Amino acid sequence: MPRSQRSPLLLAGLLATAGVAHFANPRQFDALVPRTLPGKPRTWTYASGAVELALAAGVALPRTRRTAALATAAFFVGVFPANVKMAVDWRDRPAPQKAAALGRLPLQLPLVLWARNVANNGKGRA
């Protein structure tokens, strides 16, 4: 399978795995929800998990791939504040946890670019 076909499926797999994790272990995600958001953190955790599952389905299907991949790029930008919150909240944690939280910050850019690349490779496929 060529990379151009594999890449969207890998992105869909990543999104699906993350989406399922929000439902399987919501507590860890609840702690990442900024307090400035209205409502309960669990609601935001489940909502973001559902969005990730929907994006995964959209990216996996050629007919919706371009739109879903662009939405995925926007989603990755949108969840960046949660990653910043995690890095701030975990600054006093043991070194491995702190490193994981800080390491997530620069990973957002490649994720955004990956989703954008999937969208660009899906041009004209409807």
N, C-alpha and C. Protein backbone atom coordinates (compact mmCIF):
# COMPACT_ATOMS: atom_id res chain seq x y z
N MET A 1 0.85 -1.18 0.00
CA MET A 1 0.00 0.00 0.00
C MET A 1 0.90 1.24 0.00
N PRO A 2 0.69 2.14 -0.96
CA PRO A 2 1.50 3.36 -1.02
C PRO A 2 1.29 4.25 0.21
N ARG A 3 2.30 5.04 0.48
CA ARG A 3 2.25 5.94 1.64
C ARG A 3 1.03 6.86 1.58
N SER A 4 0.68 7.33 0.39
CA SER A 4 -0.46 8.24 0.25
C SER A 4 -1.77 7.59 0.68
N GLN A 5 -1.85 6.27 0.60
CA GLN A 5 -3.05 5.56 1.07
C GLN A 5 -2.93 5.17 2.53
N ARG A 6 -1.71 4.90 2.97
CA ARG A 6 -1.46 4.48 4.35
C ARG A 6 -1.60 5.63 5.33
N SER A 7 -1.12 6.81 4.96
CA SER A 7 -1.09 7.96 5.86
C SER A 7 -2.47 8.33 6.42
N PRO A 8 -3.51 8.42 5.59
CA PRO A 8 -4.83 8.75 6.15
C PRO A 8 -5.33 7.68 7.11
N LEU A 9 -5.03 6.42 6.81
CA LEU A 9 -5.49 5.34 7.68
C LEU A 9 -4.76 5.35 9.01
N LEU A 10 -3.48 5.69 8.97
CA LEU A 10 -2.73 5.82 10.23
C LEU A 10 -3.26 6.99 11.06
N LEU A 11 -3.55 8.10 10.40
CA LEU A 11 -4.12 9.25 11.11
C LEU A 11 -5.48 8.88 11.70
N ALA A 12 -6.29 8.18 10.92
CA ALA A 12 -7.60 7.74 11.42
C ALA A 12 -7.43 6.81 12.63
N GLY A 13 -6.44 5.93 12.57
CA GLY A 13 -6.17 5.03 13.69
C GLY A 13 -5.75 5.77 14.94
N LEU A 14 -4.90 6.78 14.77
CA LEU A 14 -4.48 7.61 15.91
C LEU A 14 -5.68 8.30 16.54
N LEU A 15 -6.51 8.90 15.70
CA LEU A 15 -7.70 9.60 16.20
C LEU A 15 -8.66 8.64 16.90
N ALA A 16 -8.86 7.48 16.31
CA ALA A 16 -9.78 6.50 16.91
C ALA A 16 -9.25 6.01 18.25
N THR A 17 -7.96 5.76 18.33
CA THR A 17 -7.36 5.31 19.59
C THR A 17 -7.51 6.38 20.66
N ALA A 18 -7.23 7.62 20.31
CA ALA A 18 -7.38 8.72 21.27
C ALA A 18 -8.84 8.89 21.67
N GLY A 19 -9.75 8.77 20.71
CA GLY A 19 -11.18 8.91 21.01
C GLY A 19 -11.65 7.85 21.98
N VAL A 20 -11.27 6.60 21.74
CA VAL A 20 -11.65 5.51 22.64
C VAL A 20 -11.06 5.73 24.02
N ALA A 21 -9.82 6.21 24.08
CA ALA A 21 -9.16 6.46 25.37
C ALA A 21 -9.93 7.47 26.22
N HIS A 22 -10.58 8.44 25.58
CA HIS A 22 -11.37 9.42 26.32
C HIS A 22 -12.54 8.77 27.05
N PHE A 23 -13.07 7.69 26.49
CA PHE A 23 -14.18 6.99 27.13
C PHE A 23 -13.70 5.89 28.07
N ALA A 24 -12.57 5.26 27.74
CA ALA A 24 -12.04 4.18 28.56
C ALA A 24 -11.39 4.68 29.85
N ASN A 25 -10.77 5.84 29.79
CA ASN A 25 -10.08 6.40 30.95
C ASN A 25 -10.32 7.91 31.01
N PRO A 26 -11.57 8.32 31.23
CA PRO A 26 -11.89 9.75 31.15
C PRO A 26 -11.22 10.60 32.23
N ARG A 27 -10.91 10.00 33.35
CA ARG A 27 -10.36 10.78 34.46
C ARG A 27 -9.08 11.53 34.08
N GLN A 28 -8.20 10.84 33.37
CA GLN A 28 -6.93 11.49 33.00
C GLN A 28 -7.17 12.67 32.07
N PHE A 29 -8.22 12.62 31.26
CA PHE A 29 -8.53 13.72 30.35
C PHE A 29 -9.28 14.84 31.06
N ASP A 30 -10.08 14.48 32.05
CA ASP A 30 -10.82 15.51 32.81
C ASP A 30 -9.86 16.55 33.39
N ALA A 31 -8.70 16.09 33.84
CA ALA A 31 -7.73 16.98 34.47
C ALA A 31 -7.13 17.98 33.48
N LEU A 32 -7.26 17.71 32.19
CA LEU A 32 -6.68 18.59 31.17
C LEU A 32 -7.63 19.69 30.74
N VAL A 33 -8.89 19.57 31.11
CA VAL A 33 -9.89 20.55 30.67
C VAL A 33 -9.67 21.86 31.42
N PRO A 34 -9.43 22.94 30.68
CA PRO A 34 -9.23 24.24 31.35
C PRO A 34 -10.46 24.63 32.18
N ARG A 35 -10.21 25.14 33.36
CA ARG A 35 -11.30 25.54 34.27
C ARG A 35 -12.15 26.67 33.70
N THR A 36 -11.61 27.39 32.74
CA THR A 36 -12.35 28.51 32.16
C THR A 36 -13.49 28.06 31.25
N LEU A 37 -13.49 26.79 30.87
CA LEU A 37 -14.59 26.29 30.03
C LEU A 37 -15.82 26.05 30.89
N PRO A 38 -16.99 26.39 30.38
CA PRO A 38 -18.21 26.17 31.17
C PRO A 38 -18.56 24.68 31.24
N GLY A 39 -19.29 24.32 32.27
CA GLY A 39 -19.74 22.94 32.40
C GLY A 39 -18.73 22.06 33.11
N LYS A 40 -19.05 20.77 33.12
CA LYS A 40 -18.21 19.80 33.82
C LYS A 40 -17.09 19.29 32.91
N PRO A 41 -15.92 19.06 33.47
CA PRO A 41 -14.82 18.53 32.67
C PRO A 41 -15.17 17.22 31.96
N ARG A 42 -15.93 16.35 32.62
CA ARG A 42 -16.27 15.06 32.01
C ARG A 42 -17.06 15.25 30.72
N THR A 43 -17.92 16.26 30.70
CA THR A 43 -18.69 16.53 29.47
C THR A 43 -17.74 16.89 28.34
N TRP A 44 -16.75 17.72 28.61
CA TRP A 44 -15.77 18.10 27.60
C TRP A 44 -14.92 16.91 27.19
N THR A 45 -14.58 16.05 28.15
CA THR A 45 -13.80 14.85 27.85
C THR A 45 -14.55 13.96 26.88
N TYR A 46 -15.82 13.69 27.19
CA TYR A 46 -16.61 12.83 26.31
C TYR A 46 -16.85 13.50 24.95
N ALA A 47 -17.09 14.80 24.96
CA ALA A 47 -17.32 15.51 23.70
C ALA A 47 -16.08 15.45 22.80
N SER A 48 -14.91 15.68 23.39
CA SER A 48 -13.70 15.65 22.56
C SER A 48 -13.40 14.23 22.08
N GLY A 49 -13.70 13.23 22.91
CA GLY A 49 -13.54 11.85 22.47
C GLY A 49 -14.47 11.52 21.31
N ALA A 50 -15.71 11.98 21.39
CA ALA A 50 -16.67 11.75 20.31
C ALA A 50 -16.22 12.46 19.03
N VAL A 51 -15.70 13.67 19.18
CA VAL A 51 -15.20 14.40 18.00
C VAL A 51 -14.04 13.63 17.37
N GLU A 52 -13.13 13.11 18.18
CA GLU A 52 -12.01 12.35 17.62
C GLU A 52 -12.49 11.11 16.89
N LEU A 53 -13.49 10.44 17.43
CA LEU A 53 -14.04 9.26 16.74
C LEU A 53 -14.70 9.65 15.42
N ALA A 54 -15.42 10.75 15.42
CA ALA A 54 -16.06 11.22 14.18
C ALA A 54 -15.00 11.62 13.15
N LEU A 55 -13.96 12.31 13.60
CA LEU A 55 -12.88 12.70 12.69
C LEU A 55 -12.18 11.46 12.13
N ALA A 56 -11.97 10.46 12.98
CA ALA A 56 -11.34 9.21 12.52
C ALA A 56 -12.15 8.58 11.39
N ALA A 57 -13.46 8.51 11.59
CA ALA A 57 -14.32 7.94 10.55
C ALA A 57 -14.25 8.77 9.27
N GLY A 58 -14.28 10.08 9.42
CA GLY A 58 -14.23 10.95 8.25
C GLY A 58 -12.92 10.85 7.48
N VAL A 59 -11.81 10.76 8.21
CA VAL A 59 -10.50 10.66 7.56
C VAL A 59 -10.35 9.29 6.89
N ALA A 60 -10.93 8.26 7.46
CA ALA A 60 -10.81 6.91 6.90
C ALA A 60 -11.55 6.76 5.58
N LEU A 61 -12.60 7.52 5.38
CA LEU A 61 -13.43 7.39 4.18
C LEU A 61 -12.96 8.37 3.10
N PRO A 62 -12.60 7.87 1.92
CA PRO A 62 -12.12 8.76 0.86
C PRO A 62 -13.09 9.90 0.52
N ARG A 63 -14.37 9.64 0.57
CA ARG A 63 -15.36 10.66 0.19
C ARG A 63 -15.34 11.87 1.12
N THR A 64 -15.05 11.65 2.40
CA THR A 64 -15.07 12.74 3.38
C THR A 64 -13.68 13.12 3.87
N ARG A 65 -12.67 12.47 3.33
CA ARG A 65 -11.30 12.60 3.84
C ARG A 65 -10.80 14.04 3.86
N ARG A 66 -10.94 14.77 2.77
CA ARG A 66 -10.39 16.13 2.71
C ARG A 66 -11.00 17.02 3.77
N THR A 67 -12.32 17.05 3.86
CA THR A 67 -13.00 17.90 4.84
C THR A 67 -12.65 17.46 6.26
N ALA A 68 -12.67 16.15 6.50
CA ALA A 68 -12.36 15.64 7.84
C ALA A 68 -10.92 15.92 8.23
N ALA A 69 -10.01 15.82 7.28
CA ALA A 69 -8.60 16.08 7.58
C ALA A 69 -8.37 17.56 7.90
N LEU A 70 -9.06 18.45 7.19
CA LEU A 70 -8.96 19.88 7.52
C LEU A 70 -9.55 20.14 8.91
N ALA A 71 -10.67 19.49 9.22
CA ALA A 71 -11.26 19.63 10.55
C ALA A 71 -10.33 19.06 11.61
N THR A 72 -9.63 17.99 11.27
CA THR A 72 -8.67 17.39 12.21
C THR A 72 -7.52 18.36 12.50
N ALA A 73 -7.02 19.02 11.47
CA ALA A 73 -5.96 20.02 11.68
C ALA A 73 -6.44 21.11 12.62
N ALA A 74 -7.66 21.58 12.40
CA ALA A 74 -8.24 22.61 13.28
C ALA A 74 -8.42 22.08 14.70
N PHE A 75 -8.84 20.84 14.82
CA PHE A 75 -9.02 20.21 16.13
C PHE A 75 -7.68 20.16 16.88
N PHE A 76 -6.62 19.76 16.18
CA PHE A 76 -5.30 19.69 16.81
C PHE A 76 -4.85 21.07 17.30
N VAL A 77 -5.16 22.10 16.56
CA VAL A 77 -4.85 23.47 17.01
C VAL A 77 -5.71 23.79 18.23
N GLY A 78 -6.97 23.40 18.19
CA GLY A 78 -7.91 23.72 19.27
C GLY A 78 -7.60 23.06 20.60
N VAL A 79 -6.99 21.87 20.57
CA VAL A 79 -6.69 21.19 21.83
C VAL A 79 -5.32 21.58 22.38
N PHE A 80 -4.59 22.41 21.66
CA PHE A 80 -3.27 22.83 22.14
C PHE A 80 -3.32 23.46 23.53
N PRO A 81 -4.31 24.31 23.85
CA PRO A 81 -4.37 24.86 25.21
C PRO A 81 -4.44 23.79 26.30
N ALA A 82 -5.07 22.67 26.02
CA ALA A 82 -5.12 21.58 27.01
C ALA A 82 -3.72 21.01 27.22
N ASN A 83 -2.94 20.92 26.16
CA ASN A 83 -1.57 20.44 26.31
C ASN A 83 -0.71 21.43 27.09
N VAL A 84 -0.94 22.71 26.88
CA VAL A 84 -0.22 23.73 27.67
C VAL A 84 -0.62 23.61 29.13
N LYS A 85 -1.91 23.45 29.39
CA LYS A 85 -2.38 23.30 30.77
C LYS A 85 -1.73 22.08 31.44
N MET A 86 -1.64 20.99 30.69
CA MET A 86 -1.02 19.79 31.23
C MET A 86 0.44 20.06 31.58
N ALA A 87 1.17 20.73 30.71
CA ALA A 87 2.58 21.03 30.98
C ALA A 87 2.73 21.91 32.22
N VAL A 88 1.85 22.88 32.38
CA VAL A 88 1.90 23.76 33.55
C VAL A 88 1.53 22.98 34.81
N ASP A 89 0.45 22.22 34.75
CA ASP A 89 -0.01 21.47 35.91
C ASP A 89 0.99 20.40 36.35
N TRP A 90 1.73 19.86 35.42
CA TRP A 90 2.64 18.76 35.72
C TRP A 90 4.08 19.23 35.96
N ARG A 91 4.29 20.51 36.13
CA ARG A 91 5.66 21.00 36.29
C ARG A 91 6.34 20.49 37.56
N ASP A 92 5.55 20.08 38.57
CA ASP A 92 6.14 19.57 39.81
C ASP A 92 6.08 18.04 39.89
N ARG A 93 5.70 17.39 38.83
CA ARG A 93 5.63 15.92 38.81
C ARG A 93 7.03 15.35 38.61
N PRO A 94 7.16 14.03 38.78
CA PRO A 94 8.46 13.39 38.52
C PRO A 94 8.92 13.65 37.07
N ALA A 95 10.22 13.61 36.88
CA ALA A 95 10.82 13.96 35.59
C ALA A 95 10.19 13.25 34.38
N PRO A 96 9.91 11.94 34.44
CA PRO A 96 9.33 11.30 33.25
C PRO A 96 7.96 11.87 32.87
N GLN A 97 7.13 12.16 33.87
CA GLN A 97 5.81 12.74 33.58
C GLN A 97 5.94 14.17 33.06
N LYS A 98 6.84 14.91 33.68
CA LYS A 98 7.07 16.28 33.23
C LYS A 98 7.57 16.28 31.79
N ALA A 99 8.49 15.37 31.48
CA ALA A 99 9.03 15.28 30.12
C ALA A 99 7.93 14.91 29.12
N ALA A 100 7.04 14.01 29.51
CA ALA A 100 5.93 13.63 28.62
C ALA A 100 5.02 14.82 28.35
N ALA A 101 4.71 15.57 29.40
CA ALA A 101 3.83 16.73 29.24
C ALA A 101 4.48 17.80 28.36
N LEU A 102 5.75 18.05 28.58
CA LEU A 102 6.45 19.05 27.77
C LEU A 102 6.66 18.55 26.33
N GLY A 103 6.88 17.26 26.20
CA GLY A 103 7.09 16.68 24.87
C GLY A 103 5.88 16.74 23.97
N ARG A 104 4.70 16.79 24.57
CA ARG A 104 3.47 16.88 23.77
C ARG A 104 3.36 18.22 23.05
N LEU A 105 3.93 19.27 23.63
CA LEU A 105 3.78 20.61 23.04
C LEU A 105 4.32 20.70 21.61
N PRO A 106 5.59 20.32 21.38
CA PRO A 106 6.08 20.43 20.00
C PRO A 106 5.49 19.39 19.06
N LEU A 107 4.83 18.36 19.58
CA LEU A 107 4.22 17.35 18.71
C LEU A 107 2.97 17.85 18.01
N GLN A 108 2.37 18.90 18.52
CA GLN A 108 1.13 19.40 17.91
C GLN A 108 1.38 19.88 16.48
N LEU A 109 2.49 20.54 16.24
CA LEU A 109 2.75 21.06 14.90
C LEU A 109 2.84 19.94 13.86
N PRO A 110 3.61 18.86 14.11
CA PRO A 110 3.61 17.78 13.12
C PRO A 110 2.23 17.14 12.92
N LEU A 111 1.43 17.08 13.98
CA LEU A 111 0.08 16.53 13.83
C LEU A 111 -0.77 17.42 12.93
N VAL A 112 -0.68 18.72 13.13
CA VAL A 112 -1.43 19.67 12.29
C VAL A 112 -0.98 19.53 10.83
N LEU A 113 0.33 19.48 10.63
CA LEU A 113 0.86 19.37 9.27
C LEU A 113 0.49 18.03 8.62
N TRP A 114 0.49 16.97 9.41
CA TRP A 114 0.09 15.65 8.91
C TRP A 114 -1.36 15.69 8.42
N ALA A 115 -2.23 16.23 9.24
CA ALA A 115 -3.64 16.32 8.86
C ALA A 115 -3.81 17.18 7.61
N ARG A 116 -3.08 18.28 7.56
CA ARG A 116 -3.16 19.15 6.38
C ARG A 116 -2.66 18.44 5.13
N ASN A 117 -1.60 17.65 5.28
CA ASN A 117 -1.07 16.89 4.15
C ASN A 117 -2.08 15.85 3.67
N VAL A 118 -2.75 15.19 4.60
CA VAL A 118 -3.79 14.22 4.22
C VAL A 118 -4.90 14.95 3.46
N ALA A 119 -5.27 16.13 3.93
CA ALA A 119 -6.31 16.91 3.24
C ALA A 119 -5.86 17.30 1.83
N ASN A 120 -4.62 17.75 1.71
CA ASN A 120 -4.12 18.17 0.40
C ASN A 120 -4.00 17.00 -0.58
N ASN A 121 -3.67 15.82 -0.06
CA ASN A 121 -3.59 14.64 -0.92
C ASN A 121 -4.97 14.13 -1.30
N GLY A 122 -5.99 14.59 -0.58
CA GLY A 122 -7.36 14.17 -0.87
C GLY A 122 -8.09 15.12 -1.80
N LYS A 123 -7.40 16.12 -2.32
CA LYS A 123 -8.04 17.10 -3.22
C LYS A 123 -8.64 16.40 -4.43
N GLY A 124 -9.85 16.81 -4.74
CA GLY A 124 -10.50 16.29 -5.93
C GLY A 124 -11.11 14.92 -5.77
N ARG A 125 -11.03 14.35 -4.60
CA ARG A 125 -11.63 13.04 -4.36
C ARG A 125 -12.93 13.22 -3.63
N ALA A 126 -14.01 13.14 -4.35
CA ALA A 126 -15.32 13.30 -3.71
C ALA A 126 -16.26 12.21 -4.12
